[in-house]
Amino acid sequence: MGLYETGRVCVKTMGREAGSLCVIIEVKDDSYVVITGPKNLSGVRRRSCNTRHLEPLEAILQLAPDADDNTVEKAIEEAGLLEKFRTKIRFEI
């Protein structure tokens, strides 16, 4: 188990979705993972993402690899993280 594993909740730190929470769905290699918000919760659509653009959090959801967005949303709701996913995190520089 590494830092970036399936089900890990992360914060996007770069791009237009910076500050939004997302979940890792699949680990491609050491540098890239597939993430989702899901889009209707946090605005992050399913896509490949460089791990340098993510900040991992402590929360890990129990997900099967390649879980669909409905399954991810149910896991987020069961973990009690629904409100966190709906708000953006502000970064101080």
N, C-alpha and C. Protein backbone atom coordinates (compact mmCIF):
# COMPACT_ATOMS: atom_id res chain seq x y z
N MET A 1 0.83 -1.18 0.00
CA MET A 1 0.00 0.00 0.00
C MET A 1 0.87 1.24 0.00
N GLY A 2 0.66 2.06 -1.01
CA GLY A 2 1.42 3.29 -1.09
C GLY A 2 0.59 4.48 -0.67
N LEU A 3 1.15 5.62 -0.89
CA LEU A 3 0.46 6.86 -0.53
C LEU A 3 -0.75 7.10 -1.43
N TYR A 4 -0.60 6.79 -2.71
CA TYR A 4 -1.69 6.95 -3.67
C TYR A 4 -2.24 5.57 -4.00
N GLU A 5 -3.36 5.23 -3.39
CA GLU A 5 -3.98 3.92 -3.59
C GLU A 5 -5.45 4.10 -3.91
N THR A 6 -6.07 3.07 -4.42
CA THR A 6 -7.48 3.12 -4.77
C THR A 6 -8.32 3.44 -3.53
N GLY A 7 -9.18 4.44 -3.66
CA GLY A 7 -10.05 4.85 -2.56
C GLY A 7 -9.52 6.01 -1.73
N ARG A 8 -8.29 6.43 -1.94
CA ARG A 8 -7.70 7.53 -1.17
C ARG A 8 -8.38 8.86 -1.55
N VAL A 9 -8.79 9.63 -0.57
CA VAL A 9 -9.36 10.95 -0.80
C VAL A 9 -8.22 11.95 -0.88
N CYS A 10 -8.25 12.81 -1.92
CA CYS A 10 -7.19 13.79 -2.15
C CYS A 10 -7.79 15.15 -2.44
N VAL A 11 -6.93 16.17 -2.39
CA VAL A 11 -7.30 17.53 -2.78
C VAL A 11 -6.52 17.87 -4.03
N LYS A 12 -7.21 18.39 -5.06
CA LYS A 12 -6.52 18.86 -6.26
C LYS A 12 -5.82 20.16 -5.91
N THR A 13 -4.54 20.29 -6.27
CA THR A 13 -3.78 21.49 -5.94
C THR A 13 -3.47 22.35 -7.16
N MET A 14 -3.73 21.85 -8.36
CA MET A 14 -3.42 22.58 -9.59
C MET A 14 -4.62 22.59 -10.51
N GLY A 15 -4.67 23.58 -11.37
CA GLY A 15 -5.69 23.64 -12.40
C GLY A 15 -6.97 24.30 -11.93
N ARG A 16 -7.98 24.25 -12.79
CA ARG A 16 -9.25 24.93 -12.49
C ARG A 16 -10.00 24.27 -11.35
N GLU A 17 -9.67 23.02 -11.04
CA GLU A 17 -10.34 22.30 -9.96
C GLU A 17 -9.56 22.37 -8.65
N ALA A 18 -8.57 23.24 -8.56
CA ALA A 18 -7.75 23.37 -7.36
C ALA A 18 -8.63 23.66 -6.15
N GLY A 19 -8.41 22.93 -5.08
CA GLY A 19 -9.18 23.09 -3.86
C GLY A 19 -10.34 22.14 -3.75
N SER A 20 -10.62 21.37 -4.80
CA SER A 20 -11.72 20.42 -4.79
C SER A 20 -11.24 19.04 -4.33
N LEU A 21 -12.10 18.35 -3.60
CA LEU A 21 -11.78 16.99 -3.17
C LEU A 21 -12.08 16.01 -4.29
N CYS A 22 -11.31 14.93 -4.33
CA CYS A 22 -11.51 13.88 -5.32
C CYS A 22 -11.10 12.54 -4.70
N VAL A 23 -11.41 11.46 -5.41
CA VAL A 23 -11.10 10.10 -4.95
C VAL A 23 -10.31 9.40 -6.04
N ILE A 24 -9.26 8.67 -5.65
CA ILE A 24 -8.47 7.90 -6.60
C ILE A 24 -9.23 6.61 -6.93
N ILE A 25 -9.45 6.38 -8.22
CA ILE A 25 -10.18 5.21 -8.69
C ILE A 25 -9.23 4.11 -9.15
N GLU A 26 -8.13 4.50 -9.78
CA GLU A 26 -7.20 3.52 -10.33
C GLU A 26 -5.79 4.10 -10.31
N VAL A 27 -4.81 3.28 -9.99
CA VAL A 27 -3.40 3.70 -10.04
C VAL A 27 -2.82 3.19 -11.35
N LYS A 28 -2.37 4.11 -12.22
CA LYS A 28 -1.80 3.71 -13.51
C LYS A 28 -0.33 3.34 -13.37
N ASP A 29 0.47 4.22 -12.78
CA ASP A 29 1.88 3.96 -12.51
C ASP A 29 2.31 4.86 -11.36
N ASP A 30 3.60 5.07 -11.18
CA ASP A 30 4.09 5.86 -10.06
C ASP A 30 3.69 7.33 -10.15
N SER A 31 3.42 7.83 -11.37
CA SER A 31 3.16 9.25 -11.54
C SER A 31 1.72 9.60 -11.87
N TYR A 32 0.92 8.65 -12.33
CA TYR A 32 -0.44 8.96 -12.78
C TYR A 32 -1.48 8.06 -12.13
N VAL A 33 -2.62 8.67 -11.82
CA VAL A 33 -3.77 7.95 -11.26
C VAL A 33 -5.03 8.44 -11.99
N VAL A 34 -6.11 7.68 -11.88
CA VAL A 34 -7.41 8.10 -12.40
C VAL A 34 -8.23 8.56 -11.21
N ILE A 35 -8.81 9.79 -11.31
CA ILE A 35 -9.57 10.36 -10.20
C ILE A 35 -10.99 10.68 -10.65
N THR A 36 -11.87 10.86 -9.67
CA THR A 36 -13.21 11.37 -9.91
C THR A 36 -13.66 12.16 -8.70
N GLY A 37 -14.62 13.05 -8.90
CA GLY A 37 -15.13 13.89 -7.82
C GLY A 37 -16.17 13.21 -6.95
N PRO A 38 -17.19 12.68 -7.44
CA PRO A 38 -17.78 12.74 -8.77
C PRO A 38 -18.20 14.16 -9.15
N LYS A 39 -18.40 14.39 -10.45
CA LYS A 39 -18.64 15.73 -10.98
C LYS A 39 -19.81 16.43 -10.32
N ASN A 40 -20.90 15.73 -10.03
CA ASN A 40 -22.06 16.40 -9.44
C ASN A 40 -21.85 16.76 -7.97
N LEU A 41 -20.82 16.22 -7.33
CA LEU A 41 -20.52 16.56 -5.93
C LEU A 41 -19.48 17.67 -5.82
N SER A 42 -18.31 17.44 -6.39
CA SER A 42 -17.21 18.39 -6.20
C SER A 42 -16.81 19.11 -7.48
N GLY A 43 -17.35 18.71 -8.61
CA GLY A 43 -17.00 19.35 -9.87
C GLY A 43 -15.80 18.74 -10.57
N VAL A 44 -15.21 17.69 -10.00
CA VAL A 44 -14.06 17.03 -10.61
C VAL A 44 -14.58 15.86 -11.44
N ARG A 45 -14.35 15.92 -12.75
CA ARG A 45 -14.80 14.83 -13.60
C ARG A 45 -13.75 13.72 -13.63
N ARG A 46 -14.16 12.54 -14.04
CA ARG A 46 -13.26 11.39 -14.10
C ARG A 46 -12.18 11.64 -15.14
N ARG A 47 -10.91 11.56 -14.72
CA ARG A 47 -9.80 11.82 -15.63
C ARG A 47 -8.49 11.30 -15.04
N SER A 48 -7.51 11.23 -15.89
CA SER A 48 -6.16 10.89 -15.46
C SER A 48 -5.53 12.13 -14.86
N CYS A 49 -4.73 11.96 -13.80
CA CYS A 49 -4.14 13.10 -13.11
C CYS A 49 -2.73 12.74 -12.63
N ASN A 50 -1.84 13.70 -12.74
CA ASN A 50 -0.48 13.54 -12.23
C ASN A 50 -0.53 13.60 -10.71
N THR A 51 0.20 12.73 -10.03
CA THR A 51 0.19 12.71 -8.57
C THR A 51 0.81 13.98 -7.97
N ARG A 52 1.60 14.72 -8.76
CA ARG A 52 2.16 15.98 -8.26
C ARG A 52 1.08 17.05 -8.12
N HIS A 53 -0.09 16.83 -8.71
CA HIS A 53 -1.18 17.79 -8.63
C HIS A 53 -2.19 17.43 -7.56
N LEU A 54 -1.85 16.46 -6.72
CA LEU A 54 -2.76 15.99 -5.67
C LEU A 54 -2.10 16.07 -4.30
N GLU A 55 -2.90 16.35 -3.30
CA GLU A 55 -2.45 16.30 -1.90
C GLU A 55 -3.31 15.23 -1.21
N PRO A 56 -2.70 14.09 -0.83
CA PRO A 56 -3.51 13.03 -0.21
C PRO A 56 -3.96 13.39 1.20
N LEU A 57 -5.16 12.96 1.55
CA LEU A 57 -5.70 13.13 2.89
C LEU A 57 -5.71 11.78 3.60
N GLU A 58 -6.05 11.77 4.87
CA GLU A 58 -6.03 10.52 5.63
C GLU A 58 -7.15 9.57 5.27
N ALA A 59 -8.27 10.10 4.79
CA ALA A 59 -9.45 9.27 4.53
C ALA A 59 -9.23 8.33 3.36
N ILE A 60 -9.64 7.07 3.54
CA ILE A 60 -9.60 6.05 2.48
C ILE A 60 -10.96 5.39 2.42
N LEU A 61 -11.56 5.38 1.23
CA LEU A 61 -12.85 4.75 1.02
C LEU A 61 -12.65 3.33 0.51
N GLN A 62 -13.52 2.42 0.92
CA GLN A 62 -13.44 1.04 0.45
C GLN A 62 -14.14 0.96 -0.90
N LEU A 63 -13.35 0.93 -1.98
CA LEU A 63 -13.87 0.90 -3.33
C LEU A 63 -13.23 -0.22 -4.13
N ALA A 64 -14.02 -0.78 -5.04
CA ALA A 64 -13.47 -1.74 -5.99
C ALA A 64 -12.75 -0.94 -7.09
N PRO A 65 -11.71 -1.51 -7.68
CA PRO A 65 -11.05 -0.80 -8.78
C PRO A 65 -12.04 -0.50 -9.91
N ASP A 66 -11.93 0.65 -10.52
CA ASP A 66 -12.82 1.11 -11.60
C ASP A 66 -14.27 1.22 -11.16
N ALA A 67 -14.51 1.65 -9.94
CA ALA A 67 -15.88 1.85 -9.44
C ALA A 67 -16.52 3.01 -10.20
N ASP A 68 -17.83 2.90 -10.47
CA ASP A 68 -18.51 3.98 -11.17
C ASP A 68 -18.83 5.12 -10.20
N ASP A 69 -19.26 6.26 -10.74
CA ASP A 69 -19.48 7.45 -9.92
C ASP A 69 -20.57 7.26 -8.88
N ASN A 70 -21.61 6.48 -9.19
CA ASN A 70 -22.68 6.23 -8.21
C ASN A 70 -22.15 5.47 -7.00
N THR A 71 -21.29 4.49 -7.23
CA THR A 71 -20.68 3.72 -6.14
C THR A 71 -19.78 4.61 -5.29
N VAL A 72 -19.01 5.48 -5.94
CA VAL A 72 -18.13 6.40 -5.22
C VAL A 72 -18.96 7.36 -4.38
N GLU A 73 -20.05 7.87 -4.93
CA GLU A 73 -20.90 8.80 -4.20
C GLU A 73 -21.53 8.13 -2.96
N LYS A 74 -21.93 6.87 -3.08
CA LYS A 74 -22.48 6.14 -1.94
C LYS A 74 -21.43 5.94 -0.86
N ALA A 75 -20.19 5.64 -1.27
CA ALA A 75 -19.10 5.45 -0.31
C ALA A 75 -18.78 6.75 0.42
N ILE A 76 -18.84 7.87 -0.30
CA ILE A 76 -18.59 9.18 0.31
C ILE A 76 -19.68 9.48 1.34
N GLU A 77 -20.92 9.18 0.98
CA GLU A 77 -22.05 9.43 1.88
C GLU A 77 -21.95 8.56 3.13
N GLU A 78 -21.56 7.29 2.98
CA GLU A 78 -21.42 6.38 4.12
C GLU A 78 -20.29 6.83 5.05
N ALA A 79 -19.25 7.45 4.48
CA ALA A 79 -18.12 7.93 5.29
C ALA A 79 -18.42 9.27 5.95
N GLY A 80 -19.54 9.89 5.61
CA GLY A 80 -19.91 11.18 6.21
C GLY A 80 -19.12 12.36 5.67
N LEU A 81 -18.65 12.25 4.43
CA LEU A 81 -17.82 13.31 3.84
C LEU A 81 -18.56 14.13 2.80
N LEU A 82 -19.88 14.00 2.72
CA LEU A 82 -20.66 14.65 1.68
C LEU A 82 -20.48 16.17 1.67
N GLU A 83 -20.57 16.80 2.83
CA GLU A 83 -20.44 18.27 2.91
C GLU A 83 -19.03 18.73 2.58
N LYS A 84 -18.02 17.95 2.96
CA LYS A 84 -16.64 18.32 2.64
C LYS A 84 -16.42 18.34 1.13
N PHE A 85 -17.02 17.36 0.42
CA PHE A 85 -16.85 17.29 -1.02
C PHE A 85 -17.56 18.43 -1.74
N ARG A 86 -18.59 18.98 -1.14
CA ARG A 86 -19.35 20.06 -1.78
C ARG A 86 -18.69 21.43 -1.62
N THR A 87 -17.71 21.55 -0.73
CA THR A 87 -17.04 22.84 -0.52
C THR A 87 -15.60 22.76 -1.01
N LYS A 88 -15.07 23.91 -1.45
CA LYS A 88 -13.68 23.99 -1.89
C LYS A 88 -12.78 24.37 -0.73
N ILE A 89 -11.56 23.93 -0.78
CA ILE A 89 -10.55 24.26 0.22
C ILE A 89 -9.73 25.43 -0.32
N ARG A 90 -9.51 26.43 0.51
CA ARG A 90 -8.70 27.59 0.09
C ARG A 90 -7.27 27.39 0.54
N PHE A 91 -6.33 27.70 -0.35
CA PHE A 91 -4.91 27.58 -0.05
C PHE A 91 -4.33 28.94 0.30
N GLU A 92 -3.51 28.98 1.33
CA GLU A 92 -2.79 30.20 1.70
C GLU A 92 -1.40 30.15 1.08
N ILE A 93 -1.00 31.24 0.48
CA ILE A 93 0.34 31.29 -0.14
C ILE A 93 1.29 32.06 0.74
